[in-house]
């Protein structure tokens, strides 16, 4: 039997062949929602919403960390047997307020050109020319791309 397996620790995908009747060890992973509290050194501190326990998670284990702001809810994946953090995932879409961008010019709405904009987390996102400072946009946390403007 041919399979593709993903290593949940480092994200590598490997093709592996198994013989019929071969036994595999079960590994339990659990997903729990945690709330982002603050950054301490290189770690980000999260709180379990059910037990109020605080968990430090390293920067490189969090997807979309550049777009994370305080009190955001993140899904944290644990190895159930050892209670170690495997990785944490931001929601795919997150609303962020634009803190700085060059002003848009009248009539620039028809073109497909993009300009850089700084959002409230300090990250830079490429947005259409009609987006102005102070507006809220939806950002894809996987690649940092602009999705749409949020109506307030």
C-alpha atoms as a PDB file:
ATOM      1  CA  UNK A   1       0.000   0.000   0.000  1.00  0.00           C
ATOM      2  CA  UNK A   2       1.394   3.406  -1.005  1.00  0.00           C
ATOM      3  CA  UNK A   3       0.734   6.392   1.256  1.00  0.00           C
ATOM      4  CA  UNK A   4       1.734  10.011   1.679  1.00  0.00           C
ATOM      5  CA  UNK A   5       2.446  10.916   5.290  1.00  0.00           C
ATOM      6  CA  UNK A   6       2.914  14.366   6.787  1.00  0.00           C
ATOM      7  CA  UNK A   7       5.222  14.854   9.738  1.00  0.00           C
ATOM      8  CA  UNK A   8       3.245  17.068  12.145  1.00  0.00           C
ATOM      9  CA  UNK A   9       6.414  18.276  13.874  1.00  0.00           C
ATOM     10  CA  UNK A  10       8.350  19.634  10.878  1.00  0.00           C
ATOM     11  CA  UNK A  11       5.679  19.601   8.121  1.00  0.00           C
ATOM     12  CA  UNK A  12       7.582  17.364   5.678  1.00  0.00           C
ATOM     13  CA  UNK A  13       5.512  15.088   3.409  1.00  0.00           C
ATOM     14  CA  UNK A  14       6.998  11.653   2.670  1.00  0.00           C
ATOM     15  CA  UNK A  15       5.849   8.802   0.433  1.00  0.00           C
ATOM     16  CA  UNK A  16       5.961   5.467   2.251  1.00  0.00           C
ATOM     17  CA  UNK A  17       5.019   1.894   1.309  1.00  0.00           C
ATOM     18  CA  UNK A  18       3.509  -0.535   3.793  1.00  0.00           C
ATOM     19  CA  UNK A  19       3.021  -4.286   3.477  1.00  0.00           C
ATOM     20  CA  UNK A  20      -0.464  -5.706   4.003  1.00  0.00           C
ATOM     21  CA  UNK A  21      -0.964  -6.682   7.654  1.00  0.00           C
ATOM     22  CA  UNK A  22       1.791  -4.398   8.941  1.00  0.00           C
ATOM     23  CA  UNK A  23       0.892  -2.748  12.248  1.00  0.00           C
ATOM     24  CA  UNK A  24       1.364   0.979  12.919  1.00  0.00           C
ATOM     25  CA  UNK A  25       1.562   2.775  16.237  1.00  0.00           C
ATOM     26  CA  UNK A  26      -1.387   5.082  16.981  1.00  0.00           C
ATOM     27  CA  UNK A  27      -0.565   8.677  17.806  1.00  0.00           C
ATOM     28  CA  UNK A  28      -3.259  10.888  19.281  1.00  0.00           C
ATOM     29  CA  UNK A  29      -3.221  14.588  18.563  1.00  0.00           C
ATOM     30  CA  UNK A  30      -5.636  17.053  20.113  1.00  0.00           C
ATOM     31  CA  UNK A  31      -6.681  20.483  18.893  1.00  0.00           C
ATOM     32  CA  UNK A  32      -7.536  23.081  21.518  1.00  0.00           C
ATOM     33  CA  UNK A  33      -8.394  26.743  21.215  1.00  0.00           C
ATOM     34  CA  UNK A  34      -6.031  29.115  23.005  1.00  0.00           C
ATOM     35  CA  UNK A  35      -6.088  32.898  23.312  1.00  0.00           C
ATOM     36  CA  UNK A  36      -2.948  34.910  22.535  1.00  0.00           C
ATOM     37  CA  UNK A  37      -1.947  37.033  25.544  1.00  0.00           C
ATOM     38  CA  UNK A  38       1.509  38.569  24.976  1.00  0.00           C
ATOM     39  CA  UNK A  39       5.041  38.033  23.668  1.00  0.00           C
ATOM     40  CA  UNK A  40       7.837  37.189  26.107  1.00  0.00           C
ATOM     41  CA  UNK A  41      11.304  37.097  24.535  1.00  0.00           C
ATOM     42  CA  UNK A  42      11.116  34.736  21.545  1.00  0.00           C
ATOM     43  CA  UNK A  43       8.029  32.898  22.858  1.00  0.00           C
ATOM     44  CA  UNK A  44       4.380  33.807  22.558  1.00  0.00           C
ATOM     45  CA  UNK A  45       2.219  33.186  25.629  1.00  0.00           C
ATOM     46  CA  UNK A  46      -1.213  31.627  25.080  1.00  0.00           C
ATOM     47  CA  UNK A  47      -3.991  30.816  27.531  1.00  0.00           C
ATOM     48  CA  UNK A  48      -6.182  27.705  27.375  1.00  0.00           C
ATOM     49  CA  UNK A  49      -9.772  29.003  27.329  1.00  0.00           C
ATOM     50  CA  UNK A  50     -11.068  26.111  29.436  1.00  0.00           C
ATOM     51  CA  UNK A  51      -8.396  25.656  32.134  1.00  0.00           C
ATOM     52  CA  UNK A  52      -6.851  29.175  32.032  1.00  0.00           C
ATOM     53  CA  UNK A  53      -3.411  27.507  31.933  1.00  0.00           C
ATOM     54  CA  UNK A  54      -0.723  29.565  30.171  1.00  0.00           C
ATOM     55  CA  UNK A  55       1.417  27.888  27.495  1.00  0.00           C
ATOM     56  CA  UNK A  56       4.538  29.375  25.828  1.00  0.00           C
ATOM     57  CA  UNK A  57       4.871  28.590  22.105  1.00  0.00           C
ATOM     58  CA  UNK A  58       7.945  29.320  19.981  1.00  0.00           C
ATOM     59  CA  UNK A  59       7.692  31.755  17.049  1.00  0.00           C
ATOM     60  CA  UNK A  60       8.490  29.145  14.375  1.00  0.00           C
ATOM     61  CA  UNK A  61       5.648  26.821  15.492  1.00  0.00           C
ATOM     62  CA  UNK A  62       2.906  29.384  14.760  1.00  0.00           C
ATOM     63  CA  UNK A  63       1.496  29.807  11.242  1.00  0.00           C
ATOM     64  CA  UNK A  64       0.482  33.380  10.433  1.00  0.00           C
ATOM     65  CA  UNK A  65       2.317  34.814  13.457  1.00  0.00           C
ATOM     66  CA  UNK A  66       2.942  38.160  11.691  1.00  0.00           C
ATOM     67  CA  UNK A  67      -0.809  38.831  11.609  1.00  0.00           C
ATOM     68  CA  UNK A  68      -1.564  37.849  15.218  1.00  0.00           C
ATOM     69  CA  UNK A  69      -2.758  40.492  17.665  1.00  0.00           C
ATOM     70  CA  UNK A  70      -3.548  40.294  21.373  1.00  0.00           C
ATOM     71  CA  UNK A  71      -6.690  38.307  22.310  1.00  0.00           C
ATOM     72  CA  UNK A  72      -6.783  36.427  18.966  1.00  0.00           C
ATOM     73  CA  UNK A  73      -8.020  32.843  19.203  1.00  0.00           C
ATOM     74  CA  UNK A  74      -5.535  30.295  17.804  1.00  0.00           C
ATOM     75  CA  UNK A  75      -5.915  26.532  17.380  1.00  0.00           C
ATOM     76  CA  UNK A  76      -3.032  24.714  19.110  1.00  0.00           C
ATOM     77  CA  UNK A  77      -2.247  21.082  18.225  1.00  0.00           C
ATOM     78  CA  UNK A  78      -0.820  18.915  21.030  1.00  0.00           C
ATOM     79  CA  UNK A  79       0.615  15.383  21.137  1.00  0.00           C
ATOM     80  CA  UNK A  80      -1.958  13.877  23.525  1.00  0.00           C
ATOM     81  CA  UNK A  81       0.436  11.392  25.129  1.00  0.00           C
ATOM     82  CA  UNK A  82       3.221  13.858  26.038  1.00  0.00           C
ATOM     83  CA  UNK A  83       1.233  17.133  26.074  1.00  0.00           C
ATOM     84  CA  UNK A  84       3.882  18.805  23.899  1.00  0.00           C
ATOM     85  CA  UNK A  85       2.893  21.530  21.438  1.00  0.00           C
ATOM     86  CA  UNK A  86       3.305  20.416  17.825  1.00  0.00           C
ATOM     87  CA  UNK A  87       2.157  23.645  16.131  1.00  0.00           C
ATOM     88  CA  UNK A  88      -0.381  26.465  16.329  1.00  0.00           C
ATOM     89  CA  UNK A  89      -2.565  27.786  13.520  1.00  0.00           C
ATOM     90  CA  UNK A  90      -4.116  31.203  13.095  1.00  0.00           C
ATOM     91  CA  UNK A  91      -7.541  31.316  11.446  1.00  0.00           C
ATOM     92  CA  UNK A  92      -7.187  31.494   7.657  1.00  0.00           C
ATOM     93  CA  UNK A  93      -8.834  34.939   7.482  1.00  0.00           C
ATOM     94  CA  UNK A  94      -8.301  37.694  10.017  1.00  0.00           C
ATOM     95  CA  UNK A  95      -9.520  41.319  10.013  1.00  0.00           C
ATOM     96  CA  UNK A  96      -6.770  43.925  10.482  1.00  0.00           C
ATOM     97  CA  UNK A  97      -6.853  47.718  10.523  1.00  0.00           C
ATOM     98  CA  UNK A  98      -4.529  49.648   8.201  1.00  0.00           C
ATOM     99  CA  UNK A  99      -2.268  51.990  10.178  1.00  0.00           C
ATOM    100  CA  UNK A 100      -0.324  53.452   7.234  1.00  0.00           C
ATOM    101  CA  UNK A 101      -0.562  53.499   3.465  1.00  0.00           C
ATOM    102  CA  UNK A 102      -0.119  56.073   0.729  1.00  0.00           C
ATOM    103  CA  UNK A 103      -3.440  57.791  -0.076  1.00  0.00           C
ATOM    104  CA  UNK A 104      -5.356  56.449  -3.056  1.00  0.00           C
ATOM    105  CA  UNK A 105      -5.986  58.665  -6.057  1.00  0.00           C
ATOM    106  CA  UNK A 106      -9.414  59.204  -7.545  1.00  0.00           C
ATOM    107  CA  UNK A 107      -9.932  56.994 -10.601  1.00  0.00           C
ATOM    108  CA  UNK A 108      -7.391  54.328  -9.562  1.00  0.00           C
ATOM    109  CA  UNK A 109     -10.080  51.743  -8.744  1.00  0.00           C
ATOM    110  CA  UNK A 110     -10.129  50.109 -12.187  1.00  0.00           C
ATOM    111  CA  UNK A 111      -6.491  49.051 -12.294  1.00  0.00           C
ATOM    112  CA  UNK A 112      -5.052  45.849 -10.841  1.00  0.00           C
ATOM    113  CA  UNK A 113      -2.020  47.453  -9.256  1.00  0.00           C
ATOM    114  CA  UNK A 114      -1.189  47.014  -5.575  1.00  0.00           C
ATOM    115  CA  UNK A 115       0.513  49.242  -3.028  1.00  0.00           C
ATOM    116  CA  UNK A 116       2.135  48.367   0.336  1.00  0.00           C
ATOM    117  CA  UNK A 117       0.126  48.981   3.508  1.00  0.00           C
ATOM    118  CA  UNK A 118       1.147  48.517   7.140  1.00  0.00           C
ATOM    119  CA  UNK A 119      -1.457  46.819   9.339  1.00  0.00           C
ATOM    120  CA  UNK A 120      -1.936  47.123  13.121  1.00  0.00           C
ATOM    121  CA  UNK A 121       0.413  44.182  13.839  1.00  0.00           C
ATOM    122  CA  UNK A 122       3.289  45.876  11.981  1.00  0.00           C
ATOM    123  CA  UNK A 123       3.191  43.492   9.005  1.00  0.00           C
ATOM    124  CA  UNK A 124       3.105  44.791   5.428  1.00  0.00           C
ATOM    125  CA  UNK A 125       0.312  43.697   3.080  1.00  0.00           C
ATOM    126  CA  UNK A 126      -0.086  44.557  -0.617  1.00  0.00           C
ATOM    127  CA  UNK A 127      -3.516  46.148  -1.109  1.00  0.00           C
ATOM    128  CA  UNK A 128      -5.403  47.701  -4.061  1.00  0.00           C
ATOM    129  CA  UNK A 129      -4.930  51.441  -4.667  1.00  0.00           C
ATOM    130  CA  UNK A 130      -8.431  52.367  -3.399  1.00  0.00           C
ATOM    131  CA  UNK A 131      -7.721  51.137   0.160  1.00  0.00           C
ATOM    132  CA  UNK A 132      -6.963  53.987   2.582  1.00  0.00           C
ATOM    133  CA  UNK A 133      -5.478  54.410   6.055  1.00  0.00           C
ATOM    134  CA  UNK A 134      -7.901  53.565   8.881  1.00  0.00           C
ATOM    135  CA  UNK A 135      -9.880  50.982   6.890  1.00  0.00           C
ATOM    136  CA  UNK A 136     -10.205  47.351   7.987  1.00  0.00           C
ATOM    137  CA  UNK A 137      -9.292  44.562   5.573  1.00  0.00           C
ATOM    138  CA  UNK A 138      -9.388  40.760   5.615  1.00  0.00           C
ATOM    139  CA  UNK A 139      -5.930  39.164   5.290  1.00  0.00           C
ATOM    140  CA  UNK A 140      -5.111  35.553   4.379  1.00  0.00           C
ATOM    141  CA  UNK A 141      -2.750  34.472   7.202  1.00  0.00           C
ATOM    142  CA  UNK A 142      -1.182  31.662   5.137  1.00  0.00           C
ATOM    143  CA  UNK A 143       0.480  33.958   2.591  1.00  0.00           C
ATOM    144  CA  UNK A 144      -0.260  37.493   3.812  1.00  0.00           C
ATOM    145  CA  UNK A 145      -2.418  38.433   0.848  1.00  0.00           C
ATOM    146  CA  UNK A 146      -5.293  40.920   0.772  1.00  0.00           C
ATOM    147  CA  UNK A 147      -8.763  39.293   0.496  1.00  0.00           C
ATOM    148  CA  UNK A 148     -11.312  42.085   0.769  1.00  0.00           C
ATOM    149  CA  UNK A 149     -12.306  45.288   2.533  1.00  0.00           C
ATOM    150  CA  UNK A 150     -14.434  44.811   5.672  1.00  0.00           C
ATOM    151  CA  UNK A 151     -17.586  46.924   5.932  1.00  0.00           C
ATOM    152  CA  UNK A 152     -17.888  48.505   9.378  1.00  0.00           C
END
